[in-house]
Amino acid sequence: MSVWKCTICGYEYDEEKEGKKFSELPDTWTCPMCGAKKSAFVEKK
């Protein structure tokens, strides 16, 4: 499981906590904190 970070506000999407892989989210999904598009997220290493 991975963690994805919003490059705009720093919000972290944790696949394990959310119970869903980031890649399975619809393209219309946006950051719950700032509304950034899914493309603004990067995988945290």
PDB file of N, CA and C in Angstrom:
ATOM      1  N   MET A   1       0.837  -1.185   0.000  1.00  0.00           N
ATOM      2  CA  MET A   1       0.000   0.000   0.000  1.00  0.00           C
ATOM      3  C   MET A   1       0.881   1.248   0.000  1.00  0.00           C
ATOM      4  N   SER A   2       0.422   2.266  -0.674  1.00  0.00           N
ATOM      5  CA  SER A   2       1.194   3.498  -0.821  1.00  0.00           C
ATOM      6  C   SER A   2       0.482   4.682  -0.187  1.00  0.00           C
ATOM      7  N   VAL A   3       1.249   5.744  -0.028  1.00  0.00           N
ATOM      8  CA  VAL A   3       0.711   7.017   0.435  1.00  0.00           C
ATOM      9  C   VAL A   3       0.955   8.032  -0.674  1.00  0.00           C
ATOM     10  N   TRP A   4      -0.079   8.782  -1.035  1.00  0.00           N
ATOM     11  CA  TRP A   4      -0.003   9.793  -2.083  1.00  0.00           C
ATOM     12  C   TRP A   4      -0.172  11.158  -1.454  1.00  0.00           C
ATOM     13  N   LYS A   5       0.668  12.116  -1.856  1.00  0.00           N
ATOM     14  CA  LYS A   5       0.658  13.447  -1.253  1.00  0.00           C
ATOM     15  C   LYS A   5       0.261  14.518  -2.264  1.00  0.00           C
ATOM     16  N   CYS A   6      -0.631  15.412  -1.832  1.00  0.00           N
ATOM     17  CA  CYS A   6      -1.046  16.533  -2.669  1.00  0.00           C
ATOM     18  C   CYS A   6       0.093  17.546  -2.719  1.00  0.00           C
ATOM     19  N   THR A   7       0.509  17.912  -3.922  1.00  0.00           N
ATOM     20  CA  THR A   7       1.616  18.863  -4.071  1.00  0.00           C
ATOM     21  C   THR A   7       1.165  20.298  -3.824  1.00  0.00           C
ATOM     22  N   ILE A   8      -0.132  20.516  -3.688  1.00  0.00           N
ATOM     23  CA  ILE A   8      -0.663  21.853  -3.443  1.00  0.00           C
ATOM     24  C   ILE A   8      -0.741  22.153  -1.943  1.00  0.00           C
ATOM     25  N   CYS A   9      -1.394  21.260  -1.187  1.00  0.00           N
ATOM     26  CA  CYS A   9      -1.623  21.544   0.238  1.00  0.00           C
ATOM     27  C   CYS A   9      -0.940  20.579   1.199  1.00  0.00           C
ATOM     28  N   GLY A  10      -0.407  19.456   0.686  1.00  0.00           N
ATOM     29  CA  GLY A  10       0.283  18.506   1.556  1.00  0.00           C
ATOM     30  C   GLY A  10      -0.602  17.403   2.120  1.00  0.00           C
ATOM     31  N   TYR A  11      -1.890  17.392   1.770  1.00  0.00           N
ATOM     32  CA  TYR A  11      -2.794  16.329   2.230  1.00  0.00           C
ATOM     33  C   TYR A  11      -2.245  14.976   1.781  1.00  0.00           C
ATOM     34  N   GLU A  12      -2.349  13.978   2.657  1.00  0.00           N
ATOM     35  CA  GLU A  12      -1.858  12.646   2.323  1.00  0.00           C
ATOM     36  C   GLU A  12      -3.007  11.652   2.227  1.00  0.00           C
ATOM     37  N   TYR A  13      -3.061  10.954   1.100  1.00  0.00           N
ATOM     38  CA  TYR A  13      -4.037   9.889   0.879  1.00  0.00           C
ATOM     39  C   TYR A  13      -3.331   8.571   1.159  1.00  0.00           C
ATOM     40  N   ASP A  14      -3.725   7.903   2.240  1.00  0.00           N
ATOM     41  CA  ASP A  14      -3.119   6.638   2.654  1.00  0.00           C
ATOM     42  C   ASP A  14      -4.027   5.498   2.194  1.00  0.00           C
ATOM     43  N   GLU A  15      -3.547   4.716   1.230  1.00  0.00           N
ATOM     44  CA  GLU A  15      -4.352   3.635   0.663  1.00  0.00           C
ATOM     45  C   GLU A  15      -4.805   2.644   1.731  1.00  0.00           C
ATOM     46  N   GLU A  16      -3.942   2.351   2.687  1.00  0.00           N
ATOM     47  CA  GLU A  16      -4.286   1.381   3.725  1.00  0.00           C
ATOM     48  C   GLU A  16      -5.423   1.903   4.605  1.00  0.00           C
ATOM     49  N   LYS A  17      -5.335   3.151   5.025  1.00  0.00           N
ATOM     50  CA  LYS A  17      -6.378   3.745   5.878  1.00  0.00           C
ATOM     51  C   LYS A  17      -7.692   3.918   5.129  1.00  0.00           C
ATOM     52  N   GLU A  18      -7.601   4.314   3.852  1.00  0.00           N
ATOM     53  CA  GLU A  18      -8.801   4.574   3.054  1.00  0.00           C
ATOM     54  C   GLU A  18      -9.450   3.292   2.535  1.00  0.00           C
ATOM     55  N   GLY A  19      -8.663   2.211   2.467  1.00  0.00           N
ATOM     56  CA  GLY A  19      -9.204   0.942   2.000  1.00  0.00           C
ATOM     57  C   GLY A  19      -9.380   0.859   0.493  1.00  0.00           C
ATOM     58  N   LYS A  20      -8.740   1.768  -0.228  1.00  0.00           N
ATOM     59  CA  LYS A  20      -8.846   1.781  -1.693  1.00  0.00           C
ATOM     60  C   LYS A  20      -7.555   2.323  -2.285  1.00  0.00           C
ATOM     61  N   LYS A  21      -7.096   1.673  -3.356  1.00  0.00           N
ATOM     62  CA  LYS A  21      -5.885   2.141  -4.026  1.00  0.00           C
ATOM     63  C   LYS A  21      -6.150   3.472  -4.711  1.00  0.00           C
ATOM     64  N   PHE A  22      -5.141   4.324  -4.728  1.00  0.00           N
ATOM     65  CA  PHE A  22      -5.259   5.639  -5.354  1.00  0.00           C
ATOM     66  C   PHE A  22      -5.625   5.493  -6.824  1.00  0.00           C
ATOM     67  N   SER A  23      -5.063   4.487  -7.478  1.00  0.00           N
ATOM     68  CA  SER A  23      -5.323   4.264  -8.905  1.00  0.00           C
ATOM     69  C   SER A  23      -6.776   3.866  -9.181  1.00  0.00           C
ATOM     70  N   GLU A  24      -7.479   3.387  -8.167  1.00  0.00           N
ATOM     71  CA  GLU A  24      -8.876   2.980  -8.327  1.00  0.00           C
ATOM     72  C   GLU A  24      -9.853   4.145  -8.158  1.00  0.00           C
ATOM     73  N   LEU A  25      -9.354   5.286  -7.690  1.00  0.00           N
ATOM     74  CA  LEU A  25     -10.216   6.458  -7.537  1.00  0.00           C
ATOM     75  C   LEU A  25     -10.580   6.997  -8.917  1.00  0.00           C
ATOM     76  N   PRO A  26     -11.798   7.517  -9.084  1.00  0.00           N
ATOM     77  CA  PRO A  26     -12.176   8.063 -10.394  1.00  0.00           C
ATOM     78  C   PRO A  26     -11.353   9.304 -10.736  1.00  0.00           C
ATOM     79  N   ASP A  27     -11.206   9.591 -12.016  1.00  0.00           N
ATOM     80  CA  ASP A  27     -10.442  10.764 -12.453  1.00  0.00           C
ATOM     81  C   ASP A  27     -11.072  12.066 -11.972  1.00  0.00           C
ATOM     82  N   THR A  28     -12.334  12.004 -11.600  1.00  0.00           N
ATOM     83  CA  THR A  28     -13.036  13.197 -11.116  1.00  0.00           C
ATOM     84  C   THR A  28     -12.785  13.457  -9.631  1.00  0.00           C
ATOM     85  N   TRP A  29     -12.095  12.529  -8.953  1.00  0.00           N
ATOM     86  CA  TRP A  29     -11.797  12.682  -7.524  1.00  0.00           C
ATOM     87  C   TRP A  29     -10.898  13.895  -7.323  1.00  0.00           C
ATOM     88  N   THR A  30     -11.142  14.643  -6.254  1.00  0.00           N
ATOM     89  CA  THR A  30     -10.317  15.806  -5.929  1.00  0.00           C
ATOM     90  C   THR A  30      -9.871  15.751  -4.480  1.00  0.00           C
ATOM     91  N   CYS A  31      -8.834  16.473  -4.166  1.00  0.00           N
ATOM     92  CA  CYS A  31      -8.297  16.546  -2.811  1.00  0.00           C
ATOM     93  C   CYS A  31      -9.387  17.071  -1.867  1.00  0.00           C
ATOM     94  N   PRO A  32      -9.647  16.360  -0.773  1.00  0.00           N
ATOM     95  CA  PRO A  32     -10.686  16.806   0.153  1.00  0.00           C
ATOM     96  C   PRO A  32     -10.312  18.079   0.921  1.00  0.00           C
ATOM     97  N   MET A  33      -9.049  18.448   0.915  1.00  0.00           N
ATOM     98  CA  MET A  33      -8.609  19.646   1.634  1.00  0.00           C
ATOM     99  C   MET A  33      -8.633  20.897   0.756  1.00  0.00           C
ATOM    100  N   CYS A  34      -8.092  20.792  -0.468  1.00  0.00           N
ATOM    101  CA  CYS A  34      -7.957  22.002  -1.292  1.00  0.00           C
ATOM    102  C   CYS A  34      -8.657  21.916  -2.650  1.00  0.00           C
ATOM    103  N   GLY A  35      -9.172  20.730  -2.998  1.00  0.00           N
ATOM    104  CA  GLY A  35      -9.885  20.586  -4.264  1.00  0.00           C
ATOM    105  C   GLY A  35      -8.997  20.354  -5.478  1.00  0.00           C
ATOM    106  N   ALA A  36      -7.706  20.104  -5.246  1.00  0.00           N
ATOM    107  CA  ALA A  36      -6.777  19.863  -6.355  1.00  0.00           C
ATOM    108  C   ALA A  36      -7.154  18.578  -7.092  1.00  0.00           C
ATOM    109  N   LYS A  37      -6.853  18.545  -8.378  1.00  0.00           N
ATOM    110  CA  LYS A  37      -7.124  17.365  -9.195  1.00  0.00           C
ATOM    111  C   LYS A  37      -6.222  16.210  -8.772  1.00  0.00           C
ATOM    112  N   LYS A  38      -6.633  15.021  -9.135  1.00  0.00           N
ATOM    113  CA  LYS A  38      -5.878  13.804  -8.835  1.00  0.00           C
ATOM    114  C   LYS A  38      -4.453  13.883  -9.393  1.00  0.00           C
ATOM    115  N   SER A  39      -4.287  14.582 -10.501  1.00  0.00           N
ATOM    116  CA  SER A  39      -2.971  14.704 -11.141  1.00  0.00           C
ATOM    117  C   SER A  39      -1.983  15.525 -10.310  1.00  0.00           C
ATOM    118  N   ALA A  40      -2.459  16.231  -9.288  1.00  0.00           N
ATOM    119  CA  ALA A  40      -1.586  17.042  -8.427  1.00  0.00           C
ATOM    120  C   ALA A  40      -0.940  16.204  -7.325  1.00  0.00           C
ATOM    121  N   PHE A  41      -1.268  14.916  -7.272  1.00  0.00           N
ATOM    122  CA  PHE A  41      -0.732  14.038  -6.232  1.00  0.00           C
ATOM    123  C   PHE A  41       0.499  13.281  -6.726  1.00  0.00           C
ATOM    124  N   VAL A  42       1.445  13.074  -5.822  1.00  0.00           N
ATOM    125  CA  VAL A  42       2.639  12.283  -6.118  1.00  0.00           C
ATOM    126  C   VAL A  42       2.761  11.183  -5.067  1.00  0.00           C
ATOM    127  N   GLU A  43       3.294  10.049  -5.491  1.00  0.00           N
ATOM    128  CA  GLU A  43       3.482   8.939  -4.564  1.00  0.00           C
ATOM    129  C   GLU A  43       4.640   9.255  -3.634  1.00  0.00           C
ATOM    130  N   LYS A  44       4.399   9.071  -2.349  1.00  0.00           N
ATOM    131  CA  LYS A  44       5.425   9.331  -1.338  1.00  0.00           C
ATOM    132  C   LYS A  44       6.325   8.105  -1.244  1.00  0.00           C
ATOM    133  N   LYS A  45       7.616   8.318  -1.280  1.00  0.00           N
ATOM    134  CA  LYS A  45       8.570   7.204  -1.235  1.00  0.00           C
ATOM    135  C   LYS A  45       8.954   6.880   0.194  1.00  0.00           C
TER     136      LYS A  45
END
